[in-house]
Amino acid sequence: MDEIKVGEIFTISDEAEEEQQVEVLAKVTLQGTDYIAVSFLEDLEEENQDEIDIFFLKVDEDGDLSAIESDEEFDKVSEAFDAILEEDEEDNEA
């Protein structure tokens, strides 16, 4: 898989093997590993921005996506993305 970029839309399969389109909202690299924040495209196209679910995925060396395995890893990734989103909000307010 090619390098994943913010704004890219692709299809993933959920636990029930249903295909869902997701959009990449942000990307961060922590300790040499890339992570992306995605949300279902259907949710993003709706008017209510408060109802958007965001998921974090790990990108391996081959560009394949996988779930984050541990709570510790999830917490680190979540904090990093929170910082990015806060920074974006501050930039938009300026």
Foldseek 3Di string as FASTA:
>chain_A
DDDDDAQDWDWDADPVRDIFIKGFHDWDADPRWIKTKIWTPVVVPDDDPVPIDIAMWTQDPVRDTDHDDDPVVVVVVVVVVVVVVVVVVVVVVD
